[in-house]
Amino acid sequence: SLLGLRAVNDSTSRVLQERLVVAQMLAGEEDRVLERGFDELRKATQFATFYPGDPDQSAEYLMLAHAYGRLGPFSLGVYYLDARGTAVLSWPPGTLPSFANLAGKPYVRSVIETRRRSVSWPFRTLTGKPAVALTLPILNPDGSLRSMLVGILNVSSADVVQPLEYATKLGRTGHAELVNQGGVVIASTMPGEFLKPGEHLGFYLRMLKARASGVENVPTDPGGGTPNGQPGELHVMAFAPLSAAPWGVA
């Protein structure tokens, strides 16, 4: 009996460890998607000054088109903003009205205030597509903000969703979610979950706050509450944080 119990415990530990490794692997894949987006925006600044006061913006225009093409099918547009958050150019042409001001957007405002890159909360574009915005500051030699580049990424694209779907084919994983710092779903293997609290919100928020990886047996808690306050169905969930954004994979 003792040998049998030990074998069961060893098998369970191995399964849990494998699930944690899968979550960490997925976090690495999602990190690469975000870093690739920032890298393409950064490369554009090597071939144009992105100085809004320059009367000739032809080089900047070409670089926006190039960055958009390099970002691939999950790009929903690239914006070039001045230091006040006002649109100078966008690609594809007309994606953003000329002189539109985005300073009120939290992801732009944070870059204006901190001069550090930002990743937005998920949102729906005017066409209804789920997206996040990557904003890269362009600085003057004295460290002041010159302008910004914003890439709008489609988070329902294969680049984001396929790693999550791959996880469901490993072992007995039932579903996988990519969540932001508020536990809100960015991408999921379950249809229709975008912009909703994650199915294990309390667990996600605790792990996100600790910036830790782990595996726990946790009750479902869709929407932050269950009927009559009763615990939901128990799921064994592995969680791993991302490094490129305050997000996590479960």
Protein backbone atom coordinates (compact mmCIF):
# COMPACT_ATOMS: atom_id res chain seq x y z
CA SER A 1 0.00 0.00 0.00
CA LEU A 2 2.82 2.40 0.88
CA LEU A 3 4.60 1.66 -2.38
CA GLY A 4 1.35 2.15 -4.30
CA LEU A 5 0.67 5.47 -2.56
CA ARG A 6 4.21 6.62 -3.25
CA ALA A 7 3.82 5.71 -6.93
CA VAL A 8 0.56 7.69 -7.13
CA ASN A 9 2.16 10.69 -5.43
CA ASP A 10 5.17 10.54 -7.73
CA SER A 11 2.90 10.32 -10.77
CA THR A 12 0.80 13.26 -9.59
CA SER A 13 3.86 15.38 -8.90
CA ARG A 14 5.19 14.59 -12.36
CA VAL A 15 1.89 15.60 -14.01
CA LEU A 16 1.77 18.88 -12.05
CA GLN A 17 5.37 19.68 -12.88
CA GLU A 18 4.74 18.98 -16.57
CA ARG A 19 1.74 21.32 -16.53
CA LEU A 20 3.82 24.05 -14.92
CA VAL A 21 6.52 23.60 -17.58
CA VAL A 22 3.85 23.93 -20.30
CA ALA A 23 2.59 27.20 -18.74
CA GLN A 24 6.13 28.56 -18.57
CA MET A 25 6.74 27.56 -22.18
CA LEU A 26 3.56 29.36 -23.26
CA ALA A 27 4.57 32.48 -21.32
CA GLY A 28 7.85 32.44 -23.26
CA GLU A 29 5.98 32.22 -26.58
CA GLU A 30 3.70 35.15 -25.71
CA ASP A 31 6.72 37.16 -24.56
CA ARG A 32 8.31 36.61 -27.96
CA VAL A 33 5.21 37.93 -29.74
CA LEU A 34 5.33 41.18 -27.75
CA GLU A 35 9.09 41.60 -28.01
CA ARG A 36 8.95 41.04 -31.76
CA GLY A 37 6.38 43.83 -32.02
CA PHE A 38 8.55 46.24 -30.03
CA ASP A 39 11.63 45.22 -32.03
CA GLU A 40 9.96 46.08 -35.32
CA LEU A 41 8.90 49.48 -34.00
CA ARG A 42 12.42 50.08 -32.71
CA LYS A 43 13.99 49.12 -36.04
CA ALA A 44 11.88 51.76 -37.78
CA THR A 45 13.57 54.46 -35.68
CA GLN A 46 16.98 53.46 -37.07
CA PHE A 47 16.06 54.68 -40.56
CA ALA A 48 14.01 57.81 -39.80
CA THR A 49 14.23 60.55 -37.17
CA PHE A 50 10.49 60.71 -36.39
CA TYR A 51 10.88 64.40 -35.62
CA PRO A 52 7.35 65.90 -35.99
CA GLY A 53 8.72 69.35 -36.83
CA ASP A 54 10.51 68.13 -39.95
CA PRO A 55 8.63 69.28 -43.08
CA ASP A 56 9.71 66.12 -44.95
CA GLN A 57 8.09 63.04 -43.42
CA SER A 58 8.62 60.72 -46.40
CA ALA A 59 11.16 58.49 -44.61
CA GLU A 60 8.82 58.16 -41.63
CA TYR A 61 5.95 57.25 -43.95
CA LEU A 62 8.00 54.46 -45.54
CA MET A 63 9.10 53.16 -42.15
CA LEU A 64 5.49 52.95 -40.93
CA ALA A 65 4.59 50.91 -44.01
CA HIS A 66 7.63 48.67 -43.49
CA ALA A 67 6.90 48.14 -39.78
CA TYR A 68 3.28 47.30 -40.56
CA GLY A 69 4.34 44.72 -43.12
CA ARG A 70 6.91 43.20 -40.76
CA LEU A 71 4.43 42.96 -37.91
CA GLY A 72 2.43 40.58 -40.09
CA PRO A 73 -1.26 39.70 -40.19
CA PHE A 74 -1.82 40.38 -36.50
CA SER A 75 -1.12 44.09 -36.92
CA LEU A 76 -4.18 46.35 -36.99
CA GLY A 77 -2.23 49.52 -37.71
CA VAL A 78 0.83 51.58 -36.79
CA TYR A 79 0.60 55.17 -35.50
CA TYR A 80 3.23 57.91 -35.34
CA LEU A 81 2.39 60.44 -32.61
CA ASP A 82 4.12 63.61 -31.49
CA ALA A 83 5.23 64.18 -27.88
CA ARG A 84 1.75 65.44 -26.97
CA GLY A 85 0.03 62.33 -28.32
CA THR A 86 -1.26 63.95 -31.52
CA ALA A 87 -1.27 61.81 -34.68
CA VAL A 88 1.31 62.76 -37.31
CA LEU A 89 0.97 59.74 -39.63
CA SER A 90 -0.63 56.28 -39.59
CA TRP A 91 -0.47 53.13 -41.67
CA PRO A 92 -2.52 51.86 -43.42
CA PRO A 93 -3.34 55.39 -44.61
CA GLY A 94 -6.40 56.78 -42.88
CA THR A 95 -6.33 54.26 -40.05
CA LEU A 96 -6.09 57.20 -37.66
CA PRO A 97 -7.47 60.65 -38.56
CA SER A 98 -4.80 63.33 -39.00
CA PHE A 99 -4.25 65.41 -35.86
CA ALA A 100 -6.32 62.99 -33.74
CA ASN A 101 -5.13 63.25 -30.15
CA LEU A 102 -4.58 60.04 -28.18
CA ALA A 103 -3.13 61.64 -25.05
CA GLY A 104 -6.24 60.57 -23.14
CA LYS A 105 -5.50 56.91 -23.81
CA PRO A 106 -3.82 55.40 -20.71
CA TYR A 107 -1.16 53.61 -22.77
CA VAL A 108 -0.15 56.90 -24.44
CA ARG A 109 -0.43 59.00 -21.29
CA SER A 110 1.87 56.63 -19.38
CA VAL A 111 4.57 56.96 -22.07
CA ILE A 112 4.26 60.77 -22.01
CA GLU A 113 4.68 60.73 -18.23
CA THR A 114 7.38 58.06 -17.86
CA ARG A 115 9.10 57.98 -21.30
CA ARG A 116 8.97 54.18 -21.03
CA ARG A 117 7.30 51.75 -23.40
CA SER A 118 3.83 50.49 -22.54
CA VAL A 119 1.45 47.64 -23.31
CA SER A 120 -2.22 48.58 -23.12
CA TRP A 121 -5.18 46.83 -21.58
CA PRO A 122 -7.06 44.78 -24.18
CA PHE A 123 -9.77 46.60 -26.13
CA ARG A 124 -11.93 46.25 -29.23
CA THR A 125 -11.12 48.31 -32.30
CA LEU A 126 -13.81 50.17 -34.22
CA THR A 127 -14.07 47.12 -36.47
CA GLY A 128 -14.70 44.90 -33.44
CA LYS A 129 -11.36 43.08 -33.47
CA PRO A 130 -9.69 42.34 -30.11
CA ALA A 131 -6.44 44.24 -29.76
CA VAL A 132 -3.69 45.59 -27.53
CA ALA A 133 -1.50 48.62 -28.25
CA LEU A 134 2.30 48.57 -27.96
CA THR A 135 3.69 52.10 -27.52
CA LEU A 136 7.38 52.88 -27.97
CA PRO A 137 8.85 56.27 -26.93
CA ILE A 138 11.37 58.02 -29.20
CA LEU A 139 13.66 60.24 -27.16
CA ASN A 140 15.79 63.28 -27.92
CA PRO A 141 19.51 63.23 -26.98
CA ASP A 142 18.68 65.05 -23.74
CA GLY A 143 16.19 62.33 -22.75
CA SER A 144 13.06 64.34 -23.46
CA LEU A 145 10.23 62.77 -25.44
CA ARG A 146 10.35 63.53 -29.19
CA SER A 147 7.56 61.28 -30.48
CA MET A 148 5.96 57.83 -30.15
CA LEU A 149 5.22 54.80 -32.29
CA VAL A 150 2.13 52.71 -31.53
CA GLY A 151 1.51 49.24 -32.96
CA ILE A 152 -2.02 47.83 -32.71
CA LEU A 153 -1.88 44.05 -32.45
CA ASN A 154 -4.74 41.65 -33.11
CA VAL A 155 -4.75 39.30 -30.11
CA SER A 156 -7.07 36.85 -31.84
CA SER A 157 -4.31 36.17 -34.37
CA ALA A 158 -2.62 32.80 -34.71
CA ASP A 159 0.60 34.24 -33.23
CA VAL A 160 -1.16 34.78 -29.90
CA VAL A 161 -3.79 32.02 -29.84
CA GLN A 162 -1.96 29.05 -31.37
CA PRO A 163 0.44 28.56 -28.43
CA LEU A 164 -2.58 28.40 -26.11
CA GLU A 165 -4.32 25.90 -28.37
CA TYR A 166 -1.16 23.82 -28.53
CA ALA A 167 -1.27 23.49 -24.74
CA THR A 168 -4.67 21.78 -24.91
CA LYS A 169 -3.07 19.00 -26.95
CA LEU A 170 -0.50 18.28 -24.26
CA GLY A 171 -1.45 15.93 -21.46
CA ARG A 172 -4.96 16.59 -20.14
CA THR A 173 -5.02 20.37 -20.30
CA GLY A 174 -8.65 21.47 -20.64
CA HIS A 175 -8.18 25.13 -21.49
CA ALA A 176 -5.60 27.90 -21.49
CA GLU A 177 -5.91 31.65 -20.96
CA LEU A 178 -3.71 34.71 -21.41
CA VAL A 179 -4.69 37.37 -18.85
CA ASN A 180 -3.56 40.92 -18.10
CA GLN A 181 -2.61 42.48 -14.76
CA GLY A 182 -6.28 42.76 -13.79
CA GLY A 183 -7.02 39.11 -14.52
CA VAL A 184 -8.97 40.13 -17.65
CA VAL A 185 -8.80 37.63 -20.53
CA ILE A 186 -6.70 38.77 -23.50
CA ALA A 187 -6.85 35.45 -25.37
CA SER A 188 -8.36 32.07 -24.57
CA THR A 189 -9.00 28.64 -26.02
CA MET A 190 -12.62 29.11 -24.95
CA PRO A 191 -14.59 31.23 -27.47
CA GLY A 192 -16.17 34.49 -26.34
CA GLU A 193 -14.01 35.03 -23.26
CA PHE A 194 -12.23 38.21 -24.44
CA LEU A 195 -12.47 41.18 -22.03
CA LYS A 196 -14.06 39.04 -19.30
CA PRO A 197 -12.57 38.22 -15.89
CA GLY A 198 -10.57 34.99 -16.04
CA GLU A 199 -12.25 31.80 -14.90
CA HIS A 200 -9.98 31.64 -11.84
CA LEU A 201 -9.77 35.37 -11.15
CA GLY A 202 -8.68 35.22 -7.49
CA PHE A 203 -5.88 32.78 -8.28
CA TYR A 204 -4.73 34.84 -11.26
CA LEU A 205 -4.65 38.11 -9.30
CA ARG A 206 -2.68 36.51 -6.48
CA MET A 207 -0.11 35.00 -8.84
CA LEU A 208 0.15 38.21 -10.88
CA LYS A 209 0.80 40.25 -7.75
CA ALA A 210 3.54 37.85 -6.65
CA ARG A 211 4.95 37.59 -10.20
CA ALA A 212 5.27 33.87 -9.49
CA SER A 213 4.79 30.55 -11.25
CA GLY A 214 2.86 27.76 -9.58
CA VAL A 215 0.22 25.03 -9.72
CA GLU A 216 -2.88 24.95 -7.53
CA ASN A 217 -6.26 23.24 -7.27
CA VAL A 218 -8.61 26.22 -7.49
CA PRO A 219 -12.40 26.70 -7.89
CA THR A 220 -13.86 28.38 -10.94
CA ASP A 221 -15.02 31.90 -10.28
CA PRO A 222 -16.25 33.35 -13.59
CA GLY A 223 -17.13 37.00 -13.34
CA GLY A 224 -15.83 37.26 -9.80
CA GLY A 225 -18.68 35.30 -8.20
CA THR A 226 -20.58 32.03 -8.27
CA PRO A 227 -24.30 31.34 -7.54
CA ASN A 228 -25.17 31.49 -3.83
CA GLY A 229 -21.54 32.12 -3.03
CA GLN A 230 -20.76 28.41 -3.43
CA PRO A 231 -17.33 27.28 -4.65
CA GLY A 232 -17.21 26.52 -8.35
CA GLU A 233 -15.87 23.43 -10.06
CA LEU A 234 -12.30 22.63 -9.06
CA HIS A 235 -9.59 22.85 -11.71
CA VAL A 236 -5.90 22.12 -11.41
CA MET A 237 -4.32 25.26 -12.87
CA ALA A 238 -0.70 26.10 -13.65
CA PHE A 239 0.29 29.76 -13.94
CA ALA A 240 3.38 31.52 -15.31
CA PRO A 241 3.97 35.31 -15.59
CA LEU A 242 5.28 37.05 -18.70
CA SER A 243 8.32 39.34 -18.62
CA ALA A 244 7.46 41.64 -21.57
CA ALA A 245 4.16 42.76 -19.96
CA PRO A 246 2.44 42.42 -16.56
CA TRP A 247 0.46 39.46 -17.92
CA GLY A 248 0.31 35.76 -17.23
CA VAL A 249 -0.55 32.42 -18.88
CA ALA A 250 -2.69 29.81 -17.13
